[in-house]
């Protein structure tokens, strides 16, 4: 097939020797998929912050340890002593499941059958940082997960396979993350039996279609809603910021900051100013925005849900202006 490069494996009758990098449920649930094919995970490399304790996600370090897999947990994956340690295991594959560091050429040259990654975004459109958040902010109706070869660029390697992930109107950063995790596990499970023996073809990415978001492209510490944008753009930005237990978008009323835990939006016309509370229909607070309304359905203050009887005490009444 024109534009495709065939991947040639070596000695397909033998178990593959695999190094696995990553974190969270994606790495945890892909680990047994590798082992179920009879392959040997010669080294697991959890993220530096993985202390072996489950939090909002299961611990990859704990799962690898329970499976009897040797663990190496360096701060810098590209340090020469780390590359030497990986080389000593004679790996054929290096698999990355949300590893947080860019892998340099010296490391990528170690596994003789290549390094591969599951990316939570459609490539080449969503390379780089926060592809889930950017897909929501950009108003996409669908995104995807991509299994691709890792090259010295950033998410620019040849694509092996993709999986579609629909984005619902009510999806948030957190809910879409979980959808992408499910899709990524499914995609890897479908393709690993073929990838491990070389029965696959890849296609190069179209550079002209590429978008790249670097780590400075979004600042998740800036969570206050701006009421000057179109109501759909406001809603998309707010949805992208809803990622418990880490963050929620916030509204400001005077010196108060309140988290938006749940909301919806519509195109119903109104005469209010941007950020003006148009009405309260317990438990919903209706706020005007250009082109429509934002319906605040659950707010929180200092981590506690604000109940309807407290709305008036906090100044959440018709005519108030959210800054």
Protein backbone atom coordinates (compact mmCIF):
# COMPACT_ATOMS: atom_id res chain seq x y z
CA UNK A 1 0.00 0.00 0.00
CA UNK A 2 1.44 3.35 -1.03
CA UNK A 3 2.46 5.54 1.91
CA UNK A 4 2.71 2.62 4.30
CA UNK A 5 5.81 1.06 5.82
CA UNK A 6 5.84 -2.62 6.69
CA UNK A 7 7.14 -3.53 10.14
CA UNK A 8 9.29 -6.67 10.03
CA UNK A 9 9.50 -8.75 13.20
CA UNK A 10 12.20 -11.23 14.18
CA UNK A 11 11.63 -14.87 15.20
CA UNK A 12 7.86 -14.72 15.58
CA UNK A 13 7.71 -18.07 17.40
CA UNK A 14 9.39 -16.72 20.53
CA UNK A 15 7.92 -14.64 23.39
CA UNK A 16 8.67 -10.97 23.04
CA UNK A 17 10.78 -9.16 25.60
CA UNK A 18 9.00 -5.95 26.55
CA UNK A 19 9.73 -2.81 28.59
CA UNK A 20 6.58 -0.98 29.71
CA UNK A 21 6.44 2.71 30.69
CA UNK A 22 3.38 4.46 32.01
CA UNK A 23 0.76 5.14 34.61
CA UNK A 24 -2.87 4.87 35.62
CA UNK A 25 -5.53 2.43 34.47
CA UNK A 26 -4.27 2.37 30.89
CA UNK A 27 -0.89 0.93 31.90
CA UNK A 28 -2.39 -1.29 34.61
CA UNK A 29 -4.91 -2.95 32.30
CA UNK A 30 -2.58 -3.28 29.32
CA UNK A 31 -0.01 -5.14 31.43
CA UNK A 32 -1.98 -8.43 31.51
CA UNK A 33 -2.83 -8.06 27.81
CA UNK A 34 0.89 -8.29 27.07
CA UNK A 35 1.37 -11.22 29.39
CA UNK A 36 -1.66 -13.05 27.99
CA UNK A 37 0.22 -13.42 24.70
CA UNK A 38 3.02 -15.22 26.53
CA UNK A 39 5.37 -12.26 26.37
CA UNK A 40 7.87 -11.36 29.07
CA UNK A 41 7.78 -7.91 30.61
CA UNK A 42 11.43 -7.52 31.48
CA UNK A 43 11.02 -4.11 33.10
CA UNK A 44 8.19 -1.88 34.28
CA UNK A 45 8.92 1.83 34.58
CA UNK A 46 6.23 3.73 36.53
CA UNK A 47 6.14 7.51 36.68
CA UNK A 48 8.38 9.04 39.37
CA UNK A 49 5.37 10.12 41.47
CA UNK A 50 3.86 6.63 41.64
CA UNK A 51 4.31 5.58 45.28
CA UNK A 52 2.50 2.27 44.92
CA UNK A 53 -0.72 3.56 46.48
CA UNK A 54 -4.00 3.79 44.61
CA UNK A 55 -5.50 7.26 44.37
CA UNK A 56 -7.89 8.57 41.76
CA UNK A 57 -6.28 5.93 39.53
CA UNK A 58 -4.76 2.53 40.30
CA UNK A 59 -1.01 2.37 40.81
CA UNK A 60 0.99 0.94 37.93
CA UNK A 61 3.89 0.33 40.29
CA UNK A 62 1.69 -1.75 42.59
CA UNK A 63 0.24 -3.73 39.69
CA UNK A 64 3.64 -4.47 38.18
CA UNK A 65 5.01 -5.51 41.56
CA UNK A 66 2.05 -7.83 42.15
CA UNK A 67 2.69 -9.40 38.74
CA UNK A 68 6.32 -10.06 39.68
CA UNK A 69 7.71 -7.63 37.10
CA UNK A 70 11.08 -5.95 37.82
CA UNK A 71 10.67 -2.22 38.43
CA UNK A 72 12.89 0.72 37.57
CA UNK A 73 11.58 4.17 38.50
CA UNK A 74 14.05 6.87 37.44
CA UNK A 75 13.49 10.61 37.42
CA UNK A 76 14.98 10.94 33.93
CA UNK A 77 14.19 8.23 31.40
CA UNK A 78 16.84 9.56 29.03
CA UNK A 79 19.75 9.48 31.49
CA UNK A 80 22.60 7.33 30.22
CA UNK A 81 22.57 5.03 33.24
CA UNK A 82 18.86 4.41 32.66
CA UNK A 83 19.43 3.65 28.97
CA UNK A 84 22.19 1.24 30.01
CA UNK A 85 19.87 -0.49 32.48
CA UNK A 86 17.17 -0.86 29.84
CA UNK A 87 19.70 -2.10 27.28
CA UNK A 88 20.82 -4.79 29.71
CA UNK A 89 17.36 -6.38 29.53
CA UNK A 90 17.69 -6.84 25.73
CA UNK A 91 14.18 -5.59 25.00
CA UNK A 92 12.50 -6.08 21.66
CA UNK A 93 9.69 -3.62 22.36
CA UNK A 94 9.27 -0.51 24.47
CA UNK A 95 5.61 0.32 25.10
CA UNK A 96 4.47 3.66 26.49
CA UNK A 97 1.10 4.12 28.17
CA UNK A 98 0.89 7.80 29.14
CA UNK A 99 4.55 8.11 30.04
CA UNK A 100 5.15 11.73 30.96
CA UNK A 101 8.56 12.34 29.37
CA UNK A 102 9.69 12.84 25.78
CA UNK A 103 11.84 9.88 24.77
CA UNK A 104 15.09 10.79 23.04
CA UNK A 105 16.75 9.05 20.11
CA UNK A 106 19.32 7.17 22.22
CA UNK A 107 16.57 5.50 24.24
CA UNK A 108 14.36 4.85 21.22
CA UNK A 109 17.18 2.99 19.50
CA UNK A 110 17.35 0.37 22.26
CA UNK A 111 14.32 -1.86 21.54
CA UNK A 112 15.09 -3.71 18.32
CA UNK A 113 11.44 -3.87 17.24
CA UNK A 114 10.62 -0.31 18.13
CA UNK A 115 8.96 1.90 20.71
CA UNK A 116 5.17 2.35 20.57
CA UNK A 117 2.71 4.64 22.32
CA UNK A 118 -1.02 4.88 22.99
CA UNK A 119 -1.93 8.56 22.62
CA UNK A 120 -5.18 10.04 23.96
CA UNK A 121 -5.93 12.12 20.89
CA UNK A 122 -6.48 11.97 17.14
CA UNK A 123 -3.18 12.26 15.32
CA UNK A 124 -1.85 14.31 13.69
CA UNK A 125 -4.49 16.87 14.72
CA UNK A 126 -3.87 16.67 18.47
CA UNK A 127 -0.18 16.27 19.12
CA UNK A 128 1.35 17.35 22.41
CA UNK A 129 -0.13 18.31 25.75
CA UNK A 130 -3.76 18.05 26.97
CA UNK A 131 -5.33 16.60 23.81
CA UNK A 132 -8.51 15.73 25.72
CA UNK A 133 -8.99 19.26 27.04
CA UNK A 134 -8.25 20.82 23.65
CA UNK A 135 -10.70 18.54 21.85
CA UNK A 136 -13.46 19.74 24.19
CA UNK A 137 -12.41 23.41 24.07
CA UNK A 138 -12.36 23.26 20.27
CA UNK A 139 -15.92 21.96 20.21
CA UNK A 140 -15.09 18.62 18.63
CA UNK A 141 -17.90 16.07 18.42
CA UNK A 142 -15.42 13.20 18.44
CA UNK A 143 -11.78 12.55 19.21
CA UNK A 144 -9.75 9.37 19.17
CA UNK A 145 -6.96 7.27 20.59
CA UNK A 146 -3.93 6.47 18.46
CA UNK A 147 -1.45 3.62 18.58
CA UNK A 148 1.69 4.91 16.90
CA UNK A 149 5.39 4.35 16.68
CA UNK A 150 7.48 6.74 18.77
CA UNK A 151 10.05 8.77 16.88
CA UNK A 152 12.30 11.60 18.14
CA UNK A 153 9.53 14.14 17.54
CA UNK A 154 6.47 14.72 19.71
CA UNK A 155 3.59 12.39 18.82
CA UNK A 156 4.80 12.49 15.21
CA UNK A 157 5.61 8.82 14.59
CA UNK A 158 3.89 6.59 12.04
CA UNK A 159 0.35 5.50 12.93
CA UNK A 160 -0.53 1.85 13.34
CA UNK A 161 -4.20 2.13 14.37
CA UNK A 162 -6.81 4.52 15.70
CA UNK A 163 -10.02 4.22 17.69
CA UNK A 164 -12.86 6.71 17.59
CA UNK A 165 -14.16 8.28 20.81
CA UNK A 166 -17.42 10.28 20.59
CA UNK A 167 -17.68 13.46 22.66
CA UNK A 168 -21.14 13.99 24.15
CA UNK A 169 -22.51 17.44 24.92
CA UNK A 170 -22.27 16.68 28.64
CA UNK A 171 -18.77 15.18 28.59
CA UNK A 172 -16.15 16.78 30.84
CA UNK A 173 -12.39 16.51 30.93
CA UNK A 174 -12.68 13.65 33.42
CA UNK A 175 -15.45 11.70 31.68
CA UNK A 176 -13.68 11.97 28.32
CA UNK A 177 -10.45 10.82 29.95
CA UNK A 178 -12.22 7.66 31.11
CA UNK A 179 -13.68 7.12 27.63
CA UNK A 180 -10.21 7.45 26.11
CA UNK A 181 -8.79 5.04 28.66
CA UNK A 182 -11.40 2.42 27.75
CA UNK A 183 -10.79 2.99 24.04
CA UNK A 184 -7.01 2.87 24.46
CA UNK A 185 -7.15 -0.46 26.30
CA UNK A 186 -9.44 -1.89 23.63
CA UNK A 187 -7.25 -0.60 20.80
CA UNK A 188 -4.07 -2.02 22.28
CA UNK A 189 -5.75 -5.34 23.05
CA UNK A 190 -6.86 -5.64 19.42
CA UNK A 191 -3.50 -4.81 17.90
CA UNK A 192 -0.85 -6.19 20.26
CA UNK A 193 -1.26 -9.82 19.04
CA UNK A 194 -0.45 -8.59 15.52
CA UNK A 195 2.13 -5.98 16.46
CA UNK A 196 4.17 -8.47 18.47
CA UNK A 197 4.70 -10.68 15.43
CA UNK A 198 5.03 -7.92 12.86
CA UNK A 199 1.74 -8.59 11.07
CA UNK A 200 1.00 -4.88 10.75
CA UNK A 201 1.53 -1.87 8.53
CA UNK A 202 1.92 1.74 9.57
CA UNK A 203 1.19 4.97 7.76
CA UNK A 204 3.12 8.22 8.12
CA UNK A 205 1.36 11.21 9.57
CA UNK A 206 0.38 14.05 7.28
CA UNK A 207 2.42 16.98 8.56
CA UNK A 208 0.16 19.49 6.82
CA UNK A 209 -2.73 18.34 9.03
CA UNK A 210 -0.78 18.49 12.29
CA UNK A 211 -1.56 20.70 15.26
CA UNK A 212 0.78 20.79 18.24
CA UNK A 213 -0.05 22.02 21.74
CA UNK A 214 2.96 22.55 23.96
CA UNK A 215 2.95 22.56 27.76
CA UNK A 216 2.44 26.34 27.79
CA UNK A 217 -0.65 26.20 25.58
CA UNK A 218 -3.02 25.70 28.51
CA UNK A 219 -2.74 26.69 32.16
CA UNK A 220 -5.06 24.61 34.32
CA UNK A 221 -4.46 26.93 37.25
CA UNK A 222 -6.43 29.64 35.40
CA UNK A 223 -9.96 28.41 36.03
CA UNK A 224 -12.10 31.54 36.29
CA UNK A 225 -14.87 31.78 33.71
CA UNK A 226 -14.82 34.74 31.34
CA UNK A 227 -18.37 35.74 30.49
CA UNK A 228 -17.51 37.67 27.32
CA UNK A 229 -17.23 34.66 25.01
CA UNK A 230 -20.07 32.96 23.19
CA UNK A 231 -22.04 30.73 25.55
CA UNK A 232 -20.99 27.54 23.75
CA UNK A 233 -17.31 28.53 23.99
CA UNK A 234 -17.80 29.25 27.71
CA UNK A 235 -19.44 25.86 28.18
CA UNK A 236 -16.70 24.02 26.28
CA UNK A 237 -13.95 25.67 28.29
CA UNK A 238 -15.74 24.94 31.57
CA UNK A 239 -16.35 21.31 30.60
CA UNK A 240 -12.67 20.83 29.79
CA UNK A 241 -11.72 22.10 33.25
CA UNK A 242 -14.00 19.69 35.15
CA UNK A 243 -11.55 17.01 36.20
CA UNK A 244 -12.16 15.79 39.75
CA UNK A 245 -10.43 15.39 42.10
CA UNK A 246 -7.96 17.97 40.74
CA UNK A 247 -9.87 20.92 39.38
CA UNK A 248 -13.15 22.59 38.53
CA UNK A 249 -13.87 25.86 36.75
CA UNK A 250 -14.75 28.73 39.08
CA UNK A 251 -17.06 31.71 39.12
CA UNK A 252 -16.39 34.89 41.09
CA UNK A 253 -18.94 37.00 42.92
CA UNK A 254 -17.25 39.85 44.71
CA UNK A 255 -14.42 38.31 46.72
CA UNK A 256 -15.98 34.84 46.65
CA UNK A 257 -14.86 31.99 44.43
CA UNK A 258 -17.23 29.10 43.80
CA UNK A 259 -16.48 25.89 41.91
CA UNK A 260 -18.80 24.76 39.14
CA UNK A 261 -19.41 21.08 39.74
CA UNK A 262 -22.25 20.59 37.24
CA UNK A 263 -23.88 22.81 34.61
CA UNK A 264 -25.60 22.91 31.22
CA UNK A 265 -26.21 25.58 28.60
CA UNK A 266 -28.75 26.60 25.98
CA UNK A 267 -29.36 29.17 23.24
CA UNK A 268 -32.41 30.76 24.82
CA UNK A 269 -32.35 34.53 24.20
CA UNK A 270 -32.30 36.99 27.09
CA UNK A 271 -31.78 40.68 27.84
CA UNK A 272 -29.15 40.26 30.53
CA UNK A 273 -25.55 41.33 30.54
CA UNK A 274 -22.70 38.79 30.28
CA UNK A 275 -22.32 37.14 33.68
CA UNK A 276 -25.62 38.47 35.05
CA UNK A 277 -27.73 36.10 37.10
CA UNK A 278 -31.01 36.15 35.18
CA UNK A 279 -33.04 34.00 37.55
CA UNK A 280 -32.83 31.27 40.13
CA UNK A 281 -34.89 28.13 39.64
CA UNK A 282 -33.77 25.99 42.59
CA UNK A 283 -31.35 24.37 42.51
CA UNK A 284 -30.33 26.02 39.21
CA UNK A 285 -28.83 29.48 38.83
CA UNK A 286 -29.31 30.88 35.31
CA UNK A 287 -26.57 33.19 34.03
CA UNK A 288 -26.60 35.26 30.88
CA UNK A 289 -23.88 34.93 28.29
CA UNK A 290 -23.49 36.13 24.71
CA UNK A 291 -25.74 34.00 22.53
CA UNK A 292 -27.42 32.03 25.32
CA UNK A 293 -27.46 31.00 28.95
CA UNK A 294 -25.30 28.98 31.34
CA UNK A 295 -27.33 26.95 33.84
CA UNK A 296 -25.33 26.39 37.02
CA UNK A 297 -26.73 23.22 38.58
CA UNK A 298 -24.23 22.50 41.35
CA UNK A 299 -21.69 24.82 42.97
CA UNK A 300 -19.23 24.25 45.78
CA UNK A 301 -17.44 26.49 48.24
CA UNK A 302 -14.36 25.30 50.14
CA UNK A 303 -15.04 21.79 48.89
CA UNK A 304 -18.64 21.69 50.13
CA UNK A 305 -21.67 21.71 47.85
CA UNK A 306 -23.64 24.94 48.15
CA UNK A 307 -27.25 24.15 49.00
CA UNK A 308 -30.19 26.15 47.68
CA UNK A 309 -30.96 27.86 51.02
CA UNK A 310 -27.46 29.35 50.96
CA UNK A 311 -27.78 30.98 47.54
CA UNK A 312 -29.25 34.26 48.79
CA UNK A 313 -26.79 34.47 51.69
CA UNK A 314 -23.93 34.20 49.19
CA UNK A 315 -25.45 36.84 46.92
CA UNK A 316 -26.46 34.38 44.19
CA UNK A 317 -29.65 36.26 43.35
CA UNK A 318 -31.22 37.67 40.21
CA UNK A 319 -29.42 40.81 39.05
CA UNK A 320 -26.05 39.95 40.60
CA UNK A 321 -23.09 40.13 38.22
CA UNK A 322 -20.47 37.40 38.19
CA UNK A 323 -17.05 38.88 37.49
